Amino acid sequence: MAEPACPQKAPYALELAPGDYWWCACGLSKKQPFCDGSHKGSEFSPVKFTLAESEKKWLCGCKRTKNPPFCDGMHKSL
């Protein structure tokens, strides 16, 4: 399996409204941390997640998390 690109070595701390979101797993999106379709033609697929209410979330920026799309601290070992 190919390694995803690492757009940043820190999480994206975001206040998100209720709704569906697609987290970029390839690291190539120009709209980080969300998918813009840059993965097309690769082995990567975006990760969908849904929020029922407004919440602050820390989304993985290094694309190495074991709990996508949420940061698990893996960036500290890069």
PDB file of N, CA and C in Angstrom:
ATOM      1  N   MET A   1       0.830  -1.180   0.000  1.00  0.00           N
ATOM      2  CA  MET A   1       0.000   0.000   0.000  1.00  0.00           C
ATOM      3  C   MET A   1       0.878   1.247   0.000  1.00  0.00           C
ATOM      4  N   ALA A   2       0.504   2.224  -0.776  1.00  0.00           N
ATOM      5  CA  ALA A   2       1.231   3.487  -0.868  1.00  0.00           C
ATOM      6  C   ALA A   2       1.019   4.317   0.394  1.00  0.00           C
ATOM      7  N   GLU A   3       1.977   5.169   0.678  1.00  0.00           N
ATOM      8  CA  GLU A   3       1.858   6.086   1.811  1.00  0.00           C
ATOM      9  C   GLU A   3       1.117   7.338   1.354  1.00  0.00           C
ATOM     10  N   PRO A   4       0.188   7.844   2.156  1.00  0.00           N
ATOM     11  CA  PRO A   4      -0.465   9.093   1.798  1.00  0.00           C
ATOM     12  C   PRO A   4       0.502  10.267   1.974  1.00  0.00           C
ATOM     13  N   ALA A   5       0.230  11.365   1.297  1.00  0.00           N
ATOM     14  CA  ALA A   5       0.996  12.587   1.510  1.00  0.00           C
ATOM     15  C   ALA A   5       0.686  13.108   2.917  1.00  0.00           C
ATOM     16  N   CYS A   6       1.587  13.895   3.460  1.00  0.00           N
ATOM     17  CA  CYS A   6       1.423  14.461   4.808  1.00  0.00           C
ATOM     18  C   CYS A   6       1.308  15.980   4.684  1.00  0.00           C
ATOM     19  N   PRO A   7       0.081  16.507   4.575  1.00  0.00           N
ATOM     20  CA  PRO A   7      -0.069  17.947   4.406  1.00  0.00           C
ATOM     21  C   PRO A   7       0.365  18.778   5.613  1.00  0.00           C
ATOM     22  N   GLN A   8       0.246  18.225   6.824  1.00  0.00           N
ATOM     23  CA  GLN A   8       0.763  18.917   8.009  1.00  0.00           C
ATOM     24  C   GLN A   8       0.938  17.932   9.155  1.00  0.00           C
ATOM     25  N   LYS A   9       1.918  18.219  10.019  1.00  0.00           N
ATOM     26  CA  LYS A   9       2.213  17.342  11.150  1.00  0.00           C
ATOM     27  C   LYS A   9       1.521  17.834  12.413  1.00  0.00           C
ATOM     28  N   ALA A  10       0.230  18.073  12.278  1.00  0.00           N
ATOM     29  CA  ALA A  10      -0.616  18.509  13.390  1.00  0.00           C
ATOM     30  C   ALA A  10      -2.061  18.289  12.957  1.00  0.00           C
ATOM     31  N   PRO A  11      -2.966  18.169  13.916  1.00  0.00           N
ATOM     32  CA  PRO A  11      -4.374  18.009  13.542  1.00  0.00           C
ATOM     33  C   PRO A  11      -4.983  19.334  13.085  1.00  0.00           C
ATOM     34  N   TYR A  12      -6.108  19.227  12.393  1.00  0.00           N
ATOM     35  CA  TYR A  12      -6.928  20.375  12.038  1.00  0.00           C
ATOM     36  C   TYR A  12      -8.005  20.476  13.118  1.00  0.00           C
ATOM     37  N   ALA A  13      -7.977  21.530  13.924  1.00  0.00           N
ATOM     38  CA  ALA A  13      -8.984  21.748  14.970  1.00  0.00           C
ATOM     39  C   ALA A  13     -10.091  22.601  14.368  1.00  0.00           C
ATOM     40  N   LEU A  14     -11.271  22.004  14.211  1.00  0.00           N
ATOM     41  CA  LEU A  14     -12.356  22.672  13.505  1.00  0.00           C
ATOM     42  C   LEU A  14     -13.660  22.623  14.281  1.00  0.00           C
ATOM     43  N   GLU A  15     -14.404  23.721  14.252  1.00  0.00           N
ATOM     44  CA  GLU A  15     -15.778  23.765  14.748  1.00  0.00           C
ATOM     45  C   GLU A  15     -16.653  23.395  13.558  1.00  0.00           C
ATOM     46  N   LEU A  16     -17.318  22.257  13.624  1.00  0.00           N
ATOM     47  CA  LEU A  16     -18.100  21.762  12.494  1.00  0.00           C
ATOM     48  C   LEU A  16     -19.589  21.763  12.807  1.00  0.00           C
ATOM     49  N   ALA A  17     -20.370  22.133  11.816  1.00  0.00           N
ATOM     50  CA  ALA A  17     -21.829  22.135  11.919  1.00  0.00           C
ATOM     51  C   ALA A  17     -22.346  20.713  11.688  1.00  0.00           C
ATOM     52  N   PRO A  18     -23.572  20.421  12.072  1.00  0.00           N
ATOM     53  CA  PRO A  18     -24.141  19.106  11.790  1.00  0.00           C
ATOM     54  C   PRO A  18     -24.139  18.836  10.282  1.00  0.00           C
ATOM     55  N   GLY A  19     -23.898  17.587   9.930  1.00  0.00           N
ATOM     56  CA  GLY A  19     -23.922  17.219   8.517  1.00  0.00           C
ATOM     57  C   GLY A  19     -22.928  16.127   8.185  1.00  0.00           C
ATOM     58  N   ASP A  20     -22.825  15.831   6.892  1.00  0.00           N
ATOM     59  CA  ASP A  20     -21.902  14.822   6.376  1.00  0.00           C
ATOM     60  C   ASP A  20     -20.632  15.492   5.886  1.00  0.00           C
ATOM     61  N   TYR A  21     -19.505  14.843   6.146  1.00  0.00           N
ATOM     62  CA  TYR A  21     -18.195  15.344   5.739  1.00  0.00           C
ATOM     63  C   TYR A  21     -17.400  14.201   5.123  1.00  0.00           C
ATOM     64  N   TRP A  22     -16.493  14.546   4.211  1.00  0.00           N
ATOM     65  CA  TRP A  22     -15.600  13.567   3.578  1.00  0.00           C
ATOM     66  C   TRP A  22     -14.167  14.015   3.854  1.00  0.00           C
ATOM     67  N   TRP A  23     -13.473  13.257   4.714  1.00  0.00           N
ATOM     68  CA  TRP A  23     -12.091  13.541   5.093  1.00  0.00           C
ATOM     69  C   TRP A  23     -11.139  12.999   4.036  1.00  0.00           C
ATOM     70  N   CYS A  24     -10.180  13.799   3.637  1.00  0.00           N
ATOM     71  CA  CYS A  24      -9.172  13.393   2.653  1.00  0.00           C
ATOM     72  C   CYS A  24      -8.219  12.379   3.285  1.00  0.00           C
ATOM     73  N   ALA A  25      -8.112  11.202   2.682  1.00  0.00           N
ATOM     74  CA  ALA A  25      -7.204  10.161   3.180  1.00  0.00           C
ATOM     75  C   ALA A  25      -5.887  10.115   2.407  1.00  0.00           C
ATOM     76  N   CYS A  26      -5.852  10.701   1.202  1.00  0.00           N
ATOM     77  CA  CYS A  26      -4.650  10.626   0.369  1.00  0.00           C
ATOM     78  C   CYS A  26      -3.642  11.718   0.694  1.00  0.00           C
ATOM     79  N   GLY A  27      -4.115  12.826   1.270  1.00  0.00           N
ATOM     80  CA  GLY A  27      -3.239  13.937   1.602  1.00  0.00           C
ATOM     81  C   GLY A  27      -3.004  14.911   0.459  1.00  0.00           C
ATOM     82  N   LEU A  28      -3.640  14.697  -0.680  1.00  0.00           N
ATOM     83  CA  LEU A  28      -3.394  15.531  -1.860  1.00  0.00           C
ATOM     84  C   LEU A  28      -4.423  16.639  -2.076  1.00  0.00           C
ATOM     85  N   SER A  29      -5.518  16.616  -1.356  1.00  0.00           N
ATOM     86  CA  SER A  29      -6.580  17.600  -1.529  1.00  0.00           C
ATOM     87  C   SER A  29      -6.065  19.015  -1.300  1.00  0.00           C
ATOM     88  N   LYS A  30      -6.543  19.938  -2.091  1.00  0.00           N
ATOM     89  CA  LYS A  30      -6.213  21.354  -1.916  1.00  0.00           C
ATOM     90  C   LYS A  30      -7.164  22.002  -0.908  1.00  0.00           C
ATOM     91  N   LYS A  31      -8.162  21.242  -0.430  1.00  0.00           N
ATOM     92  CA  LYS A  31      -9.150  21.742   0.536  1.00  0.00           C
ATOM     93  C   LYS A  31      -9.018  20.995   1.864  1.00  0.00           C
ATOM     94  N   GLN A  32      -7.790  20.746   2.302  1.00  0.00           N
ATOM     95  CA  GLN A  32      -7.530  19.998   3.532  1.00  0.00           C
ATOM     96  C   GLN A  32      -8.329  20.554   4.701  1.00  0.00           C
ATOM     97  N   PRO A  33      -8.834  19.697   5.559  1.00  0.00           N
ATOM     98  CA  PRO A  33      -8.662  18.254   5.615  1.00  0.00           C
ATOM     99  C   PRO A  33      -9.723  17.486   4.841  1.00  0.00           C
ATOM    100  N   PHE A  34     -10.478  18.203   4.006  1.00  0.00           N
ATOM    101  CA  PHE A  34     -11.589  17.570   3.300  1.00  0.00           C
ATOM    102  C   PHE A  34     -11.216  17.176   1.875  1.00  0.00           C
ATOM    103  N   CYS A  35     -11.926  16.212   1.354  1.00  0.00           N
ATOM    104  CA  CYS A  35     -11.670  15.666   0.021  1.00  0.00           C
ATOM    105  C   CYS A  35     -12.097  16.643  -1.073  1.00  0.00           C
ATOM    106  N   ASP A  36     -11.268  16.752  -2.121  1.00  0.00           N
ATOM    107  CA  ASP A  36     -11.634  17.519  -3.307  1.00  0.00           C
ATOM    108  C   ASP A  36     -11.565  16.653  -4.570  1.00  0.00           C
ATOM    109  N   GLY A  37     -11.417  15.320  -4.387  1.00  0.00           N
ATOM    110  CA  GLY A  37     -11.361  14.402  -5.521  1.00  0.00           C
ATOM    111  C   GLY A  37      -9.967  14.113  -6.022  1.00  0.00           C
ATOM    112  N   SER A  38      -8.938  14.658  -5.384  1.00  0.00           N
ATOM    113  CA  SER A  38      -7.555  14.455  -5.838  1.00  0.00           C
ATOM    114  C   SER A  38      -7.104  13.004  -5.764  1.00  0.00           C
ATOM    115  N   HIS A  39      -7.809  12.167  -5.016  1.00  0.00           N
ATOM    116  CA  HIS A  39      -7.452  10.754  -4.868  1.00  0.00           C
ATOM    117  C   HIS A  39      -7.784   9.928  -6.111  1.00  0.00           C
ATOM    118  N   LYS A  40      -8.601  10.449  -7.009  1.00  0.00           N
ATOM    119  CA  LYS A  40      -9.072   9.663  -8.164  1.00  0.00           C
ATOM    120  C   LYS A  40      -7.899   9.077  -8.929  1.00  0.00           C
ATOM    121  N   GLY A  41      -7.999   7.771  -9.203  1.00  0.00           N
ATOM    122  CA  GLY A  41      -6.936   7.055  -9.890  1.00  0.00           C
ATOM    123  C   GLY A  41      -5.907   6.470  -8.940  1.00  0.00           C
ATOM    124  N   SER A  42      -6.099   6.663  -7.631  1.00  0.00           N
ATOM    125  CA  SER A  42      -5.168   6.103  -6.638  1.00  0.00           C
ATOM    126  C   SER A  42      -5.898   5.023  -5.840  1.00  0.00           C
ATOM    127  N   GLU A  43      -5.188   4.423  -4.907  1.00  0.00           N
ATOM    128  CA  GLU A  43      -5.792   3.388  -4.063  1.00  0.00           C
ATOM    129  C   GLU A  43      -6.498   3.983  -2.842  1.00  0.00           C
ATOM    130  N   PHE A  44      -6.475   5.291  -2.694  1.00  0.00           N
ATOM    131  CA  PHE A  44      -7.080   5.942  -1.542  1.00  0.00           C
ATOM    132  C   PHE A  44      -8.532   6.308  -1.798  1.00  0.00           C
ATOM    133  N   SER A  45      -9.309   6.327  -0.728  1.00  0.00           N
ATOM    134  CA  SER A  45     -10.704   6.755  -0.772  1.00  0.00           C
ATOM    135  C   SER A  45     -10.958   7.670   0.422  1.00  0.00           C
ATOM    136  N   PRO A  46     -11.786   8.690   0.250  1.00  0.00           N
ATOM    137  CA  PRO A  46     -12.095   9.562   1.385  1.00  0.00           C
ATOM    138  C   PRO A  46     -12.905   8.816   2.432  1.00  0.00           C
ATOM    139  N   VAL A  47     -12.881   9.331   3.650  1.00  0.00           N
ATOM    140  CA  VAL A  47     -13.601   8.732   4.768  1.00  0.00           C
ATOM    141  C   VAL A  47     -14.782   9.638   5.113  1.00  0.00           C
ATOM    142  N   LYS A  48     -15.986   9.072   5.019  1.00  0.00           N
ATOM    143  CA  LYS A  48     -17.188   9.837   5.353  1.00  0.00           C
ATOM    144  C   LYS A  48     -17.441   9.773   6.856  1.00  0.00           C
ATOM    145  N   PHE A  49     -17.806  10.917   7.425  1.00  0.00           N
ATOM    146  CA  PHE A  49     -18.273  10.930   8.807  1.00  0.00           C
ATOM    147  C   PHE A  49     -19.423  11.928   8.918  1.00  0.00           C
ATOM    148  N   THR A  50     -20.289  11.684   9.891  1.00  0.00           N
ATOM    149  CA  THR A  50     -21.499  12.477  10.066  1.00  0.00           C
ATOM    150  C   THR A  50     -21.570  12.996  11.491  1.00  0.00           C
ATOM    151  N   LEU A  51     -21.929  14.263  11.618  1.00  0.00           N
ATOM    152  CA  LEU A  51     -22.127  14.866  12.936  1.00  0.00           C
ATOM    153  C   LEU A  51     -23.599  15.194  13.108  1.00  0.00           C
ATOM    154  N   ALA A  52     -24.147  14.827  14.241  1.00  0.00           N
ATOM    155  CA  ALA A  52     -25.559  15.098  14.543  1.00  0.00           C
ATOM    156  C   ALA A  52     -25.752  16.495  15.126  1.00  0.00           C
ATOM    157  N   GLU A  53     -24.685  17.052  15.710  1.00  0.00           N
ATOM    158  CA  GLU A  53     -24.762  18.385  16.293  1.00  0.00           C
ATOM    159  C   GLU A  53     -23.434  19.095  16.082  1.00  0.00           C
ATOM    160  N   SER A  54     -23.421  20.397  16.271  1.00  0.00           N
ATOM    161  CA  SER A  54     -22.188  21.170  16.133  1.00  0.00           C
ATOM    162  C   SER A  54     -21.185  20.703  17.178  1.00  0.00           C
ATOM    163  N   GLU A  55     -19.949  20.494  16.744  1.00  0.00           N
ATOM    164  CA  GLU A  55     -18.901  20.010  17.645  1.00  0.00           C
ATOM    165  C   GLU A  55     -17.540  20.494  17.183  1.00  0.00           C
ATOM    166  N   LYS A  56     -16.606  20.597  18.121  1.00  0.00           N
ATOM    167  CA  LYS A  56     -15.211  20.826  17.777  1.00  0.00           C
ATOM    168  C   LYS A  56     -14.574  19.452  17.595  1.00  0.00           C
ATOM    169  N   LYS A  57     -13.901  19.258  16.472  1.00  0.00           N
ATOM    170  CA  LYS A  57     -13.242  17.986  16.164  1.00  0.00           C
ATOM    171  C   LYS A  57     -11.804  18.251  15.764  1.00  0.00           C
ATOM    172  N   TRP A  58     -10.931  17.316  16.073  1.00  0.00           N
ATOM    173  CA  TRP A  58      -9.541  17.371  15.671  1.00  0.00           C
ATOM    174  C   TRP A  58      -9.354  16.303  14.601  1.00  0.00           C
ATOM    175  N   LEU A  59      -9.253  16.754  13.342  1.00  0.00           N
ATOM    176  CA  LEU A  59      -9.108  15.837  12.215  1.00  0.00           C
ATOM    177  C   LEU A  59      -7.629  15.654  11.889  1.00  0.00           C
ATOM    178  N   CYS A  60      -7.253  14.437  11.605  1.00  0.00           N
ATOM    179  CA  CYS A  60      -5.864  14.099  11.336  1.00  0.00           C
ATOM    180  C   CYS A  60      -5.317  14.904  10.152  1.00  0.00           C
ATOM    181  N   GLY A  61      -4.155  15.501  10.344  1.00  0.00           N
ATOM    182  CA  GLY A  61      -3.488  16.250   9.280  1.00  0.00           C
ATOM    183  C   GLY A  61      -2.342  15.496   8.654  1.00  0.00           C
ATOM    184  N   CYS A  62      -1.799  14.497   9.355  1.00  0.00           N
ATOM    185  CA  CYS A  62      -0.656  13.746   8.823  1.00  0.00           C
ATOM    186  C   CYS A  62      -1.076  12.541   7.995  1.00  0.00           C
ATOM    187  N   LYS A  63      -2.360  12.167   8.093  1.00  0.00           N
ATOM    188  CA  LYS A  63      -2.956  11.053   7.339  1.00  0.00           C
ATOM    189  C   LYS A  63      -2.417   9.687   7.780  1.00  0.00           C
ATOM    190  N   ARG A  64      -1.888   9.601   9.001  1.00  0.00           N
ATOM    191  CA  ARG A  64      -1.356   8.325   9.523  1.00  0.00           C
ATOM    192  C   ARG A  64      -2.181   7.769  10.678  1.00  0.00           C
ATOM    193  N   THR A  65      -3.272   8.437  11.053  1.00  0.00           N
ATOM    194  CA  THR A  65      -4.084   8.010  12.188  1.00  0.00           C
ATOM    195  C   THR A  65      -4.585   6.574  12.035  1.00  0.00           C
ATOM    196  N   LYS A  66      -4.735   5.902  13.139  1.00  0.00           N
ATOM    197  CA  LYS A  66      -5.337   4.559  13.155  1.00  0.00           C
ATOM    198  C   LYS A  66      -6.838   4.660  13.419  1.00  0.00           C
ATOM    199  N   ASN A  67      -7.335   5.901  13.584  1.00  0.00           N
ATOM    200  CA  ASN A  67      -8.742   6.151  13.872  1.00  0.00           C
ATOM    201  C   ASN A  67      -9.289   7.234  12.931  1.00  0.00           C
ATOM    202  N   PRO A  68      -9.217   6.992  11.612  1.00  0.00           N
ATOM    203  CA  PRO A  68      -9.644   8.034  10.671  1.00  0.00           C
ATOM    204  C   PRO A  68     -11.117   8.376  10.840  1.00  0.00           C
ATOM    205  N   PRO A  69     -11.445   9.640  10.747  1.00  0.00           N
ATOM    206  CA  PRO A  69     -10.635  10.785  10.335  1.00  0.00           C
ATOM    207  C   PRO A  69     -10.026  11.554  11.506  1.00  0.00           C
ATOM    208  N   PHE A  70     -10.130  11.025  12.711  1.00  0.00           N
ATOM    209  CA  PHE A  70      -9.759  11.773  13.901  1.00  0.00           C
ATOM    210  C   PHE A  70      -8.290  11.575  14.278  1.00  0.00           C
ATOM    211  N   CYS A  71      -7.695  12.633  14.792  1.00  0.00           N
ATOM    212  CA  CYS A  71      -6.290  12.590  15.209  1.00  0.00           C
ATOM    213  C   CYS A  71      -6.112  11.634  16.384  1.00  0.00           C
ATOM    214  N   ASP A  72      -5.091  10.801  16.317  1.00  0.00           N
ATOM    215  CA  ASP A  72      -4.748   9.921  17.434  1.00  0.00           C
ATOM    216  C   ASP A  72      -3.320  10.157  17.937  1.00  0.00           C
ATOM    217  N   GLY A  73      -2.697  11.255  17.490  1.00  0.00           N
ATOM    218  CA  GLY A  73      -1.357  11.604  17.949  1.00  0.00           C
ATOM    219  C   GLY A  73      -0.222  11.018  17.138  1.00  0.00           C
ATOM    220  N   MET A  74      -0.514  10.310  16.061  1.00  0.00           N
ATOM    221  CA  MET A  74       0.547   9.688  15.245  1.00  0.00           C
ATOM    222  C   MET A  74       1.536  10.714  14.708  1.00  0.00           C
ATOM    223  N   HIS A  75       1.091  11.958  14.495  1.00  0.00           N
ATOM    224  CA  HIS A  75       1.970  12.992  13.960  1.00  0.00           C
ATOM    225  C   HIS A  75       3.195  13.235  14.861  1.00  0.00           C
ATOM    226  N   LYS A  76       3.073  12.894  16.140  1.00  0.00           N
ATOM    227  CA  LYS A  76       4.183  13.112  17.080  1.00  0.00           C
ATOM    228  C   LYS A  76       5.354  12.181  16.800  1.00  0.00           C
ATOM    229  N   SER A  77       5.108  11.078  16.075  1.00  0.00           N
ATOM    230  CA  SER A  77       6.178  10.120  15.789  1.00  0.00           C
ATOM    231  C   SER A  77       6.792  10.317  14.404  1.00  0.00           C
ATOM    232  N   LEU A  78       6.359  11.330  13.676  1.00  0.00           N
ATOM    233  CA  LEU A  78       6.881  11.566  12.326  1.00  0.00           C
ATOM    234  C   LEU A  78       8.119  12.433  12.360  1.00  0.00           C
TER     235      LEU A  78
END
